[in-house]
Amino acid sequence: MAYDAGFNVVVPYENISTEDAKKIVQDAIFSRDPKRD
């Protein structure tokens, strides 16, 4: 999808678990500011 949308650089994720993939997708859909302590 990123290539089709015209992005110049796409960085793949390697060696991630199913749980990590869920978190990455959720963060991409529902982006938010970093938590501040």
C-alpha atoms as a PDB file:
ATOM      1  CA  MET A   1       0.000   0.000   0.000  1.00  0.00           C
ATOM      2  CA  ALA A   2       2.769   2.451   0.823  1.00  0.00           C
ATOM      3  CA  TYR A   3       4.437   2.004  -2.549  1.00  0.00           C
ATOM      4  CA  ASP A   4       1.085   2.514  -4.301  1.00  0.00           C
ATOM      5  CA  ALA A   5       0.490   5.688  -2.265  1.00  0.00           C
ATOM      6  CA  GLY A   6       3.718   7.213  -3.561  1.00  0.00           C
ATOM      7  CA  PHE A   7       6.010   6.825  -0.562  1.00  0.00           C
ATOM      8  CA  ASN A   8       9.699   7.077  -1.480  1.00  0.00           C
ATOM      9  CA  VAL A   9      10.978   4.863   1.339  1.00  0.00           C
ATOM     10  CA  VAL A  10       9.331   1.827   2.910  1.00  0.00           C
ATOM     11  CA  VAL A  11      11.096   0.141   5.837  1.00  0.00           C
ATOM     12  CA  PRO A  12      10.095  -3.494   6.432  1.00  0.00           C
ATOM     13  CA  TYR A  13       9.751  -5.038   9.885  1.00  0.00           C
ATOM     14  CA  GLU A  14      11.565  -8.358  10.310  1.00  0.00           C
ATOM     15  CA  ASN A  15      11.472 -11.056  12.973  1.00  0.00           C
ATOM     16  CA  ILE A  16       8.369  -9.808  14.778  1.00  0.00           C
ATOM     17  CA  SER A  17       5.817 -11.870  16.637  1.00  0.00           C
ATOM     18  CA  THR A  18       2.096 -11.919  15.999  1.00  0.00           C
ATOM     19  CA  GLU A  19       1.607  -9.805  19.126  1.00  0.00           C
ATOM     20  CA  ASP A  20       4.164  -7.256  17.891  1.00  0.00           C
ATOM     21  CA  ALA A  21       2.373  -7.077  14.530  1.00  0.00           C
ATOM     22  CA  LYS A  22      -0.927  -6.309  16.285  1.00  0.00           C
ATOM     23  CA  LYS A  23       0.707  -3.456  18.212  1.00  0.00           C
ATOM     24  CA  ILE A  24       2.361  -2.017  15.096  1.00  0.00           C
ATOM     25  CA  VAL A  25      -0.904  -2.051  13.141  1.00  0.00           C
ATOM     26  CA  GLN A  26      -2.852  -0.527  16.034  1.00  0.00           C
ATOM     27  CA  ASP A  27      -0.250   2.237  16.420  1.00  0.00           C
ATOM     28  CA  ALA A  28      -0.385   2.967  12.691  1.00  0.00           C
ATOM     29  CA  ILE A  29      -4.187   3.268  12.718  1.00  0.00           C
ATOM     30  CA  PHE A  30      -4.542   5.095  16.040  1.00  0.00           C
ATOM     31  CA  SER A  31      -1.417   7.243  16.168  1.00  0.00           C
ATOM     32  CA  ARG A  32      -0.935   9.390  19.248  1.00  0.00           C
ATOM     33  CA  ASP A  33       1.635  11.568  20.972  1.00  0.00           C
ATOM     34  CA  PRO A  34       4.394   9.764  22.865  1.00  0.00           C
ATOM     35  CA  LYS A  35       3.674   9.313  26.555  1.00  0.00           C
ATOM     36  CA  ARG A  36       5.418  11.869  28.709  1.00  0.00           C
ATOM     37  CA  ASP A  37       6.543  11.128  32.245  1.00  0.00           C
END
